[in-house]
Amino acid sequence: MLGLRILKRGYVSQYDYGKAFVVLEETPDSAAAVMQGLRQRFTDAAPVKLGDDAFQSTDKYLGRMCFVRTGRYIAGYAITAAGMDPVALSAALVQKIH
Protein backbone atom coordinates (compact mmCIF):
# COMPACT_ATOMS: atom_id res chain seq x y z
CA MET A 1 0.00 0.00 0.00
CA LEU A 2 1.16 3.52 -0.78
CA GLY A 3 4.18 1.92 -2.42
CA LEU A 4 5.44 0.79 1.01
CA ARG A 5 6.03 -2.97 1.18
CA ILE A 6 5.71 -2.99 4.96
CA LEU A 7 1.99 -2.06 4.64
CA LYS A 8 0.51 -5.31 3.38
CA ARG A 9 -3.25 -5.49 3.99
CA GLY A 10 -5.65 -2.62 4.03
CA TYR A 11 -7.60 0.03 2.22
CA VAL A 12 -6.66 3.29 0.49
CA SER A 13 -9.01 6.11 -0.47
CA GLN A 14 -7.85 8.71 -2.99
CA TYR A 15 -8.95 12.34 -2.52
CA ASP A 16 -8.03 15.55 -4.35
CA TYR A 17 -5.69 16.49 -1.50
CA GLY A 18 -4.07 13.09 -0.86
CA LYS A 19 -4.74 9.54 0.34
CA ALA A 20 -6.32 8.07 3.45
CA PHE A 21 -5.33 4.56 4.48
CA VAL A 22 -6.27 1.89 7.01
CA VAL A 23 -4.08 -1.19 7.52
CA LEU A 24 -5.21 -4.23 9.52
CA GLU A 25 -2.49 -6.29 11.19
CA GLU A 26 -2.93 -9.67 12.91
CA THR A 27 -2.23 -8.39 16.43
CA PRO A 28 -1.43 -5.14 18.24
CA ASP A 29 2.16 -6.40 18.60
CA SER A 30 2.53 -6.96 14.85
CA ALA A 31 1.08 -3.48 14.25
CA ALA A 32 3.65 -2.05 16.69
CA ALA A 33 6.42 -3.83 14.75
CA VAL A 34 5.16 -2.30 11.50
CA MET A 35 5.18 1.15 13.12
CA GLN A 36 8.80 0.57 14.17
CA GLY A 37 9.66 -0.37 10.59
CA LEU A 38 7.95 2.77 9.31
CA ARG A 39 9.96 4.89 11.75
CA GLN A 40 13.15 3.36 10.37
CA ARG A 41 11.99 4.13 6.82
CA PHE A 42 11.05 7.74 7.60
CA THR A 43 14.02 9.03 9.58
CA ASP A 44 12.49 12.49 10.12
CA ALA A 45 9.55 10.98 12.05
CA ALA A 46 8.22 13.32 14.75
CA PRO A 47 5.98 11.93 17.54
CA VAL A 48 2.29 12.84 17.58
CA LYS A 49 -0.10 12.28 20.50
CA LEU A 50 -2.76 10.12 18.86
CA GLY A 51 -3.90 6.54 19.39
CA ASP A 52 -1.48 4.04 20.94
CA ASP A 53 1.44 5.32 18.85
CA ALA A 54 1.74 7.94 16.13
CA PHE A 55 4.19 10.04 14.15
CA GLN A 56 4.30 12.44 11.25
CA SER A 57 6.84 12.65 8.47
CA THR A 58 7.41 13.99 4.97
CA ASP A 59 8.17 11.98 1.84
CA LYS A 60 9.33 13.16 -1.57
CA TYR A 61 6.47 11.34 -3.34
CA LEU A 62 3.72 10.93 -0.72
CA GLY A 63 3.99 14.41 0.81
CA ARG A 64 3.18 15.14 4.45
CA MET A 65 2.10 12.00 6.29
CA CYS A 66 0.71 10.89 9.60
CA PHE A 67 0.71 7.25 10.76
CA VAL A 68 -1.39 6.27 13.80
CA ARG A 69 -1.59 2.87 15.49
CA THR A 70 -4.64 1.99 17.53
CA GLY A 71 -4.75 -1.64 18.58
CA ARG A 72 -4.08 -3.76 15.52
CA TYR A 73 -4.95 -0.95 13.09
CA ILE A 74 -2.58 1.53 11.46
CA ALA A 75 -4.31 4.46 9.81
CA GLY A 76 -3.50 7.89 8.53
CA TYR A 77 -3.14 10.27 5.65
CA ALA A 78 -0.58 11.14 2.99
CA ILE A 79 -1.26 14.73 1.92
CA THR A 80 0.12 16.33 -1.24
CA ALA A 81 -1.99 19.53 -1.28
CA ALA A 82 -1.22 22.67 0.71
CA GLY A 83 -3.60 23.73 3.47
CA MET A 84 -4.56 20.26 4.71
CA ASP A 85 -3.32 18.88 8.04
CA PRO A 86 -2.55 15.14 7.97
CA VAL A 87 -2.52 14.96 11.79
CA ALA A 88 -6.02 16.45 12.17
CA LEU A 89 -7.39 14.28 9.37
CA SER A 90 -5.77 11.19 10.91
CA ALA A 91 -7.27 12.00 14.32
CA ALA A 92 -10.75 12.10 12.76
CA LEU A 93 -10.10 8.86 10.86
CA VAL A 94 -8.96 7.01 13.99
CA GLN A 95 -12.15 8.07 15.80
CA LYS A 96 -14.17 6.31 13.09
CA ILE A 97 -12.24 3.05 13.53
CA HIS A 98 -13.49 2.55 17.09
C-alpha atoms as a PDB file:
ATOM      1  CA  MET A   1       0.000   0.000   0.000  1.00  0.00           C
ATOM      2  CA  LEU A   2       1.160   3.524  -0.775  1.00  0.00           C
ATOM      3  CA  GLY A   3       4.185   1.925  -2.420  1.00  0.00           C
ATOM      4  CA  LEU A   4       5.437   0.786   1.009  1.00  0.00           C
ATOM      5  CA  ARG A   5       6.035  -2.974   1.182  1.00  0.00           C
ATOM      6  CA  ILE A   6       5.708  -2.987   4.959  1.00  0.00           C
ATOM      7  CA  LEU A   7       1.994  -2.059   4.640  1.00  0.00           C
ATOM      8  CA  LYS A   8       0.514  -5.308   3.375  1.00  0.00           C
ATOM      9  CA  ARG A   9      -3.254  -5.493   3.989  1.00  0.00           C
ATOM     10  CA  GLY A  10      -5.654  -2.624   4.028  1.00  0.00           C
ATOM     11  CA  TYR A  11      -7.602   0.033   2.216  1.00  0.00           C
ATOM     12  CA  VAL A  12      -6.657   3.287   0.493  1.00  0.00           C
ATOM     13  CA  SER A  13      -9.011   6.114  -0.471  1.00  0.00           C
ATOM     14  CA  GLN A  14      -7.854   8.710  -2.987  1.00  0.00           C
ATOM     15  CA  TYR A  15      -8.950  12.337  -2.522  1.00  0.00           C
ATOM     16  CA  ASP A  16      -8.035  15.554  -4.348  1.00  0.00           C
ATOM     17  CA  TYR A  17      -5.691  16.494  -1.499  1.00  0.00           C
ATOM     18  CA  GLY A  18      -4.071  13.092  -0.859  1.00  0.00           C
ATOM     19  CA  LYS A  19      -4.735   9.539   0.338  1.00  0.00           C
ATOM     20  CA  ALA A  20      -6.321   8.068   3.453  1.00  0.00           C
ATOM     21  CA  PHE A  21      -5.332   4.562   4.480  1.00  0.00           C
ATOM     22  CA  VAL A  22      -6.275   1.886   7.015  1.00  0.00           C
ATOM     23  CA  VAL A  23      -4.084  -1.187   7.522  1.00  0.00           C
ATOM     24  CA  LEU A  24      -5.212  -4.226   9.516  1.00  0.00           C
ATOM     25  CA  GLU A  25      -2.490  -6.288  11.192  1.00  0.00           C
ATOM     26  CA  GLU A  26      -2.934  -9.668  12.906  1.00  0.00           C
ATOM     27  CA  THR A  27      -2.226  -8.392  16.432  1.00  0.00           C
ATOM     28  CA  PRO A  28      -1.434  -5.136  18.237  1.00  0.00           C
ATOM     29  CA  ASP A  29       2.159  -6.400  18.597  1.00  0.00           C
ATOM     30  CA  SER A  30       2.534  -6.959  14.850  1.00  0.00           C
ATOM     31  CA  ALA A  31       1.077  -3.479  14.251  1.00  0.00           C
ATOM     32  CA  ALA A  32       3.653  -2.050  16.691  1.00  0.00           C
ATOM     33  CA  ALA A  33       6.417  -3.834  14.753  1.00  0.00           C
ATOM     34  CA  VAL A  34       5.155  -2.299  11.500  1.00  0.00           C
ATOM     35  CA  MET A  35       5.184   1.152  13.121  1.00  0.00           C
ATOM     36  CA  GLN A  36       8.795   0.567  14.168  1.00  0.00           C
ATOM     37  CA  GLY A  37       9.655  -0.372  10.586  1.00  0.00           C
ATOM     38  CA  LEU A  38       7.945   2.770   9.307  1.00  0.00           C
ATOM     39  CA  ARG A  39       9.961   4.887  11.754  1.00  0.00           C
ATOM     40  CA  GLN A  40      13.152   3.361  10.374  1.00  0.00           C
ATOM     41  CA  ARG A  41      11.992   4.129   6.815  1.00  0.00           C
ATOM     42  CA  PHE A  42      11.054   7.742   7.603  1.00  0.00           C
ATOM     43  CA  THR A  43      14.018   9.030   9.584  1.00  0.00           C
ATOM     44  CA  ASP A  44      12.492  12.488  10.115  1.00  0.00           C
ATOM     45  CA  ALA A  45       9.547  10.982  12.047  1.00  0.00           C
ATOM     46  CA  ALA A  46       8.217  13.320  14.746  1.00  0.00           C
ATOM     47  CA  PRO A  47       5.984  11.929  17.536  1.00  0.00           C
ATOM     48  CA  VAL A  48       2.289  12.836  17.584  1.00  0.00           C
ATOM     49  CA  LYS A  49      -0.102  12.276  20.502  1.00  0.00           C
ATOM     50  CA  LEU A  50      -2.760  10.117  18.856  1.00  0.00           C
ATOM     51  CA  GLY A  51      -3.901   6.535  19.394  1.00  0.00           C
ATOM     52  CA  ASP A  52      -1.481   4.036  20.935  1.00  0.00           C
ATOM     53  CA  ASP A  53       1.441   5.321  18.854  1.00  0.00           C
ATOM     54  CA  ALA A  54       1.744   7.943  16.130  1.00  0.00           C
ATOM     55  CA  PHE A  55       4.191  10.037  14.148  1.00  0.00           C
ATOM     56  CA  GLN A  56       4.295  12.443  11.247  1.00  0.00           C
ATOM     57  CA  SER A  57       6.842  12.654   8.470  1.00  0.00           C
ATOM     58  CA  THR A  58       7.412  13.992   4.968  1.00  0.00           C
ATOM     59  CA  ASP A  59       8.171  11.976   1.845  1.00  0.00           C
ATOM     60  CA  LYS A  60       9.328  13.159  -1.574  1.00  0.00           C
ATOM     61  CA  TYR A  61       6.467  11.341  -3.338  1.00  0.00           C
ATOM     62  CA  LEU A  62       3.723  10.934  -0.719  1.00  0.00           C
ATOM     63  CA  GLY A  63       3.992  14.412   0.807  1.00  0.00           C
ATOM     64  CA  ARG A  64       3.183  15.139   4.451  1.00  0.00           C
ATOM     65  CA  MET A  65       2.102  11.997   6.286  1.00  0.00           C
ATOM     66  CA  CYS A  66       0.709  10.886   9.602  1.00  0.00           C
ATOM     67  CA  PHE A  67       0.711   7.250  10.761  1.00  0.00           C
ATOM     68  CA  VAL A  68      -1.393   6.270  13.798  1.00  0.00           C
ATOM     69  CA  ARG A  69      -1.592   2.866  15.495  1.00  0.00           C
ATOM     70  CA  THR A  70      -4.642   1.993  17.526  1.00  0.00           C
ATOM     71  CA  GLY A  71      -4.748  -1.638  18.576  1.00  0.00           C
ATOM     72  CA  ARG A  72      -4.078  -3.757  15.516  1.00  0.00           C
ATOM     73  CA  TYR A  73      -4.954  -0.953  13.090  1.00  0.00           C
ATOM     74  CA  ILE A  74      -2.579   1.527  11.459  1.00  0.00           C
ATOM     75  CA  ALA A  75      -4.314   4.460   9.814  1.00  0.00           C
ATOM     76  CA  GLY A  76      -3.498   7.889   8.533  1.00  0.00           C
ATOM     77  CA  TYR A  77      -3.140  10.275   5.645  1.00  0.00           C
ATOM     78  CA  ALA A  78      -0.576  11.137   2.994  1.00  0.00           C
ATOM     79  CA  ILE A  79      -1.262  14.729   1.916  1.00  0.00           C
ATOM     80  CA  THR A  80       0.119  16.333  -1.236  1.00  0.00           C
ATOM     81  CA  ALA A  81      -1.986  19.535  -1.277  1.00  0.00           C
ATOM     82  CA  ALA A  82      -1.222  22.669   0.709  1.00  0.00           C
ATOM     83  CA  GLY A  83      -3.598  23.730   3.468  1.00  0.00           C
ATOM     84  CA  MET A  84      -4.560  20.258   4.706  1.00  0.00           C
ATOM     85  CA  ASP A  85      -3.321  18.881   8.038  1.00  0.00           C
ATOM     86  CA  PRO A  86      -2.547  15.138   7.968  1.00  0.00           C
ATOM     87  CA  VAL A  87      -2.520  14.960  11.791  1.00  0.00           C
ATOM     88  CA  ALA A  88      -6.016  16.449  12.172  1.00  0.00           C
ATOM     89  CA  LEU A  89      -7.387  14.279   9.372  1.00  0.00           C
ATOM     90  CA  SER A  90      -5.765  11.187  10.913  1.00  0.00           C
ATOM     91  CA  ALA A  91      -7.272  11.997  14.323  1.00  0.00           C
ATOM     92  CA  ALA A  92     -10.751  12.101  12.758  1.00  0.00           C
ATOM     93  CA  LEU A  93     -10.104   8.860  10.863  1.00  0.00           C
ATOM     94  CA  VAL A  94      -8.957   7.013  13.987  1.00  0.00           C
ATOM     95  CA  GLN A  95     -12.148   8.075  15.799  1.00  0.00           C
ATOM     96  CA  LYS A  96     -14.172   6.309  13.091  1.00  0.00           C
ATOM     97  CA  ILE A  97     -12.242   3.053  13.533  1.00  0.00           C
ATOM     98  CA  HIS A  98     -13.492   2.555  17.090  1.00  0.00           C
END
